[in-house]
């Protein structure tokens, strides 16, 4: 699991709203609630920035290495847009991701049946974390 602290991006819709120096970020408090909930449940997770790429499976080992050198701990497709739209619309956002494959290794994509257990655990982490939010 990855609890996201920021999301880099390369062009696309967000360029219409933000300059390239802006890294869309989630709400600090919501992210903290996710971390606290994950810790309470003994989940193994990482925190850090991710890179949001809109190129479905176009990334390769070189892309992953360059991204890692820039400090990104995962590559995914939605977080930058989620956080950017949240900022524009004044909606608090946060993200917990499940890692299903690793493009830096020749390991197969994780089977959906194996992910089922982790999906349920992630859902519980998010539910219990957000349940502590006072509105």
C-alpha atoms as a PDB file:
ATOM      1  CA  UNK A   1       0.000   0.000   0.000  1.00  0.00           C
ATOM      2  CA  UNK A   2       1.070   3.560  -0.698  1.00  0.00           C
ATOM      3  CA  UNK A   3      -0.345   6.577   1.110  1.00  0.00           C
ATOM      4  CA  UNK A   4       0.309   9.440  -1.287  1.00  0.00           C
ATOM      5  CA  UNK A   5       1.842  12.761  -0.176  1.00  0.00           C
ATOM      6  CA  UNK A   6       1.980  14.470  -3.577  1.00  0.00           C
ATOM      7  CA  UNK A   7       1.699  13.705  -7.285  1.00  0.00           C
ATOM      8  CA  UNK A   8       3.884  14.792 -10.152  1.00  0.00           C
ATOM      9  CA  UNK A   9       2.573  14.843 -13.700  1.00  0.00           C
ATOM     10  CA  UNK A  10       3.715  15.516 -17.228  1.00  0.00           C
ATOM     11  CA  UNK A  11       1.296  17.675 -19.167  1.00  0.00           C
ATOM     12  CA  UNK A  12      -2.346  16.967 -19.775  1.00  0.00           C
ATOM     13  CA  UNK A  13      -5.339  18.746 -18.308  1.00  0.00           C
ATOM     14  CA  UNK A  14      -3.551  20.042 -15.210  1.00  0.00           C
ATOM     15  CA  UNK A  15      -1.278  22.210 -17.365  1.00  0.00           C
ATOM     16  CA  UNK A  16      -4.374  24.282 -18.114  1.00  0.00           C
ATOM     17  CA  UNK A  17      -4.779  25.129 -14.424  1.00  0.00           C
ATOM     18  CA  UNK A  18      -1.348  24.965 -12.770  1.00  0.00           C
ATOM     19  CA  UNK A  19       2.215  25.805 -13.651  1.00  0.00           C
ATOM     20  CA  UNK A  20       4.745  22.990 -13.766  1.00  0.00           C
ATOM     21  CA  UNK A  21       6.236  24.064 -10.429  1.00  0.00           C
ATOM     22  CA  UNK A  22       3.012  23.077  -8.677  1.00  0.00           C
ATOM     23  CA  UNK A  23       2.847  19.544  -7.315  1.00  0.00           C
ATOM     24  CA  UNK A  24      -0.758  18.669  -6.498  1.00  0.00           C
ATOM     25  CA  UNK A  25      -0.983  17.496  -2.910  1.00  0.00           C
ATOM     26  CA  UNK A  26      -3.648  15.793  -0.831  1.00  0.00           C
ATOM     27  CA  UNK A  27      -5.134  17.245   2.314  1.00  0.00           C
ATOM     28  CA  UNK A  28      -2.590  16.913   5.128  1.00  0.00           C
ATOM     29  CA  UNK A  29      -5.166  15.990   7.769  1.00  0.00           C
ATOM     30  CA  UNK A  30      -6.927  13.343   5.670  1.00  0.00           C
ATOM     31  CA  UNK A  31      -3.578  11.824   4.766  1.00  0.00           C
ATOM     32  CA  UNK A  32      -2.673  11.715   8.449  1.00  0.00           C
ATOM     33  CA  UNK A  33      -5.928   9.937   9.250  1.00  0.00           C
ATOM     34  CA  UNK A  34      -5.125   7.293   6.620  1.00  0.00           C
ATOM     35  CA  UNK A  35      -1.637   6.815   8.077  1.00  0.00           C
ATOM     36  CA  UNK A  36      -2.982   6.518  11.628  1.00  0.00           C
ATOM     37  CA  UNK A  37      -5.617   4.018  10.549  1.00  0.00           C
ATOM     38  CA  UNK A  38      -3.084   1.928   8.607  1.00  0.00           C
ATOM     39  CA  UNK A  39      -0.739   1.874  11.610  1.00  0.00           C
ATOM     40  CA  UNK A  40      -3.552   0.839  13.967  1.00  0.00           C
ATOM     41  CA  UNK A  41      -4.414  -2.064  11.699  1.00  0.00           C
ATOM     42  CA  UNK A  42      -0.807  -3.164  11.351  1.00  0.00           C
ATOM     43  CA  UNK A  43      -0.761  -2.625   7.585  1.00  0.00           C
ATOM     44  CA  UNK A  44       2.516  -2.489   5.718  1.00  0.00           C
ATOM     45  CA  UNK A  45       2.552   0.763   3.763  1.00  0.00           C
ATOM     46  CA  UNK A  46       4.830   3.409   2.299  1.00  0.00           C
ATOM     47  CA  UNK A  47       4.292   7.151   2.154  1.00  0.00           C
ATOM     48  CA  UNK A  48       5.630   9.507  -0.456  1.00  0.00           C
ATOM     49  CA  UNK A  49       4.986  11.232  -3.759  1.00  0.00           C
ATOM     50  CA  UNK A  50       3.849   9.359  -6.849  1.00  0.00           C
ATOM     51  CA  UNK A  51       4.001  10.168 -10.538  1.00  0.00           C
ATOM     52  CA  UNK A  52       0.657  10.296 -12.352  1.00  0.00           C
ATOM     53  CA  UNK A  53       1.006   9.146 -15.945  1.00  0.00           C
ATOM     54  CA  UNK A  54      -1.891   9.106 -18.391  1.00  0.00           C
ATOM     55  CA  UNK A  55      -0.087   6.663 -20.690  1.00  0.00           C
ATOM     56  CA  UNK A  56      -1.681   3.316 -19.910  1.00  0.00           C
ATOM     57  CA  UNK A  57       1.166   0.775 -19.628  1.00  0.00           C
ATOM     58  CA  UNK A  58       3.552   2.877 -21.758  1.00  0.00           C
ATOM     59  CA  UNK A  59       6.036   3.173 -18.881  1.00  0.00           C
ATOM     60  CA  UNK A  60       9.125   1.016 -18.946  1.00  0.00           C
ATOM     61  CA  UNK A  61      12.107   0.278 -16.731  1.00  0.00           C
ATOM     62  CA  UNK A  62      13.946   3.459 -17.791  1.00  0.00           C
ATOM     63  CA  UNK A  63      10.879   5.589 -17.028  1.00  0.00           C
ATOM     64  CA  UNK A  64      10.634   3.962 -13.590  1.00  0.00           C
ATOM     65  CA  UNK A  65      14.329   4.567 -12.864  1.00  0.00           C
ATOM     66  CA  UNK A  66      14.117   8.245 -13.848  1.00  0.00           C
ATOM     67  CA  UNK A  67      10.964   8.647 -11.735  1.00  0.00           C
ATOM     68  CA  UNK A  68      12.621   6.984  -8.741  1.00  0.00           C
ATOM     69  CA  UNK A  69      15.640   9.292  -9.031  1.00  0.00           C
ATOM     70  CA  UNK A  70      13.212  12.224  -8.834  1.00  0.00           C
ATOM     71  CA  UNK A  71      11.844  10.797  -5.569  1.00  0.00           C
ATOM     72  CA  UNK A  72       8.628   9.180  -6.769  1.00  0.00           C
ATOM     73  CA  UNK A  73       7.814   5.904  -5.036  1.00  0.00           C
ATOM     74  CA  UNK A  74       5.121   4.705  -7.454  1.00  0.00           C
ATOM     75  CA  UNK A  75       3.614   5.385 -10.865  1.00  0.00           C
ATOM     76  CA  UNK A  76      -0.145   5.523 -11.217  1.00  0.00           C
ATOM     77  CA  UNK A  77      -2.766   7.365 -13.268  1.00  0.00           C
ATOM     78  CA  UNK A  78      -5.145   9.462 -11.143  1.00  0.00           C
ATOM     79  CA  UNK A  79      -3.668  11.172  -8.084  1.00  0.00           C
ATOM     80  CA  UNK A  80      -2.418  14.390  -9.715  1.00  0.00           C
ATOM     81  CA  UNK A  81      -5.830  15.012 -11.283  1.00  0.00           C
ATOM     82  CA  UNK A  82      -7.657  14.069  -8.069  1.00  0.00           C
ATOM     83  CA  UNK A  83      -5.533  16.409  -5.952  1.00  0.00           C
ATOM     84  CA  UNK A  84      -5.559  19.191  -8.560  1.00  0.00           C
ATOM     85  CA  UNK A  85      -9.340  19.137  -8.928  1.00  0.00           C
ATOM     86  CA  UNK A  86      -9.684  19.016  -5.159  1.00  0.00           C
ATOM     87  CA  UNK A  87      -7.588  22.166  -4.889  1.00  0.00           C
ATOM     88  CA  UNK A  88      -9.583  23.929  -7.603  1.00  0.00           C
ATOM     89  CA  UNK A  89     -12.954  22.970  -6.113  1.00  0.00           C
ATOM     90  CA  UNK A  90     -11.881  23.300  -2.477  1.00  0.00           C
ATOM     91  CA  UNK A  91     -12.576  19.614  -1.761  1.00  0.00           C
ATOM     92  CA  UNK A  92     -10.292  17.710   0.594  1.00  0.00           C
ATOM     93  CA  UNK A  93      -8.588  14.728  -1.008  1.00  0.00           C
ATOM     94  CA  UNK A  94      -6.325  11.845  -0.004  1.00  0.00           C
ATOM     95  CA  UNK A  95      -5.228   8.603  -1.602  1.00  0.00           C
ATOM     96  CA  UNK A  96      -4.295   5.106  -0.529  1.00  0.00           C
ATOM     97  CA  UNK A  97      -3.041   2.925  -3.391  1.00  0.00           C
ATOM     98  CA  UNK A  98      -2.552  -0.814  -3.753  1.00  0.00           C
ATOM     99  CA  UNK A  99       0.476  -1.919  -5.745  1.00  0.00           C
ATOM    100  CA  UNK A 100      -0.461  -4.659  -8.176  1.00  0.00           C
ATOM    101  CA  UNK A 101       2.703  -4.914 -10.248  1.00  0.00           C
ATOM    102  CA  UNK A 102       6.304  -3.768 -10.382  1.00  0.00           C
ATOM    103  CA  UNK A 103       7.730  -2.663 -13.724  1.00  0.00           C
ATOM    104  CA  UNK A 104      11.257  -2.711 -12.320  1.00  0.00           C
ATOM    105  CA  UNK A 105      11.130  -6.484 -11.878  1.00  0.00           C
ATOM    106  CA  UNK A 106      10.048  -9.279 -14.154  1.00  0.00           C
ATOM    107  CA  UNK A 107       7.365 -10.341 -11.697  1.00  0.00           C
ATOM    108  CA  UNK A 108       3.864 -11.051 -13.011  1.00  0.00           C
ATOM    109  CA  UNK A 109       0.948  -8.768 -12.200  1.00  0.00           C
ATOM    110  CA  UNK A 110      -0.638  -9.819  -8.920  1.00  0.00           C
ATOM    111  CA  UNK A 111      -3.670 -12.065  -9.364  1.00  0.00           C
ATOM    112  CA  UNK A 112      -7.067 -10.461  -8.645  1.00  0.00           C
ATOM    113  CA  UNK A 113      -7.825 -13.137  -6.057  1.00  0.00           C
ATOM    114  CA  UNK A 114      -4.702 -12.210  -4.093  1.00  0.00           C
ATOM    115  CA  UNK A 115      -5.601  -8.522  -4.321  1.00  0.00           C
ATOM    116  CA  UNK A 116      -9.068  -9.193  -2.894  1.00  0.00           C
ATOM    117  CA  UNK A 117      -7.682  -9.515   0.663  1.00  0.00           C
ATOM    118  CA  UNK A 118      -5.657  -6.328   0.321  1.00  0.00           C
ATOM    119  CA  UNK A 119      -8.570  -4.449  -1.235  1.00  0.00           C
ATOM    120  CA  UNK A 120     -10.746  -5.299   1.762  1.00  0.00           C
ATOM    121  CA  UNK A 121      -7.977  -4.227   4.147  1.00  0.00           C
ATOM    122  CA  UNK A 122      -7.450  -0.958   2.251  1.00  0.00           C
ATOM    123  CA  UNK A 123     -11.186  -0.268   2.297  1.00  0.00           C
ATOM    124  CA  UNK A 124     -11.273  -0.799   6.053  1.00  0.00           C
ATOM    125  CA  UNK A 125      -8.283   1.519   6.535  1.00  0.00           C
ATOM    126  CA  UNK A 126      -9.942   4.272   4.497  1.00  0.00           C
ATOM    127  CA  UNK A 127     -13.345   3.805   6.144  1.00  0.00           C
ATOM    128  CA  UNK A 128     -11.976   3.835   9.683  1.00  0.00           C
ATOM    129  CA  UNK A 129      -9.642   6.735   8.932  1.00  0.00           C
ATOM    130  CA  UNK A 130     -12.341   8.910   7.399  1.00  0.00           C
ATOM    131  CA  UNK A 131     -14.803   7.890  10.094  1.00  0.00           C
ATOM    132  CA  UNK A 132     -12.619   9.838  12.560  1.00  0.00           C
ATOM    133  CA  UNK A 133     -13.023  13.018  10.481  1.00  0.00           C
ATOM    134  CA  UNK A 134     -15.243  15.592  12.083  1.00  0.00           C
ATOM    135  CA  UNK A 135     -17.201  17.716   9.661  1.00  0.00           C
END
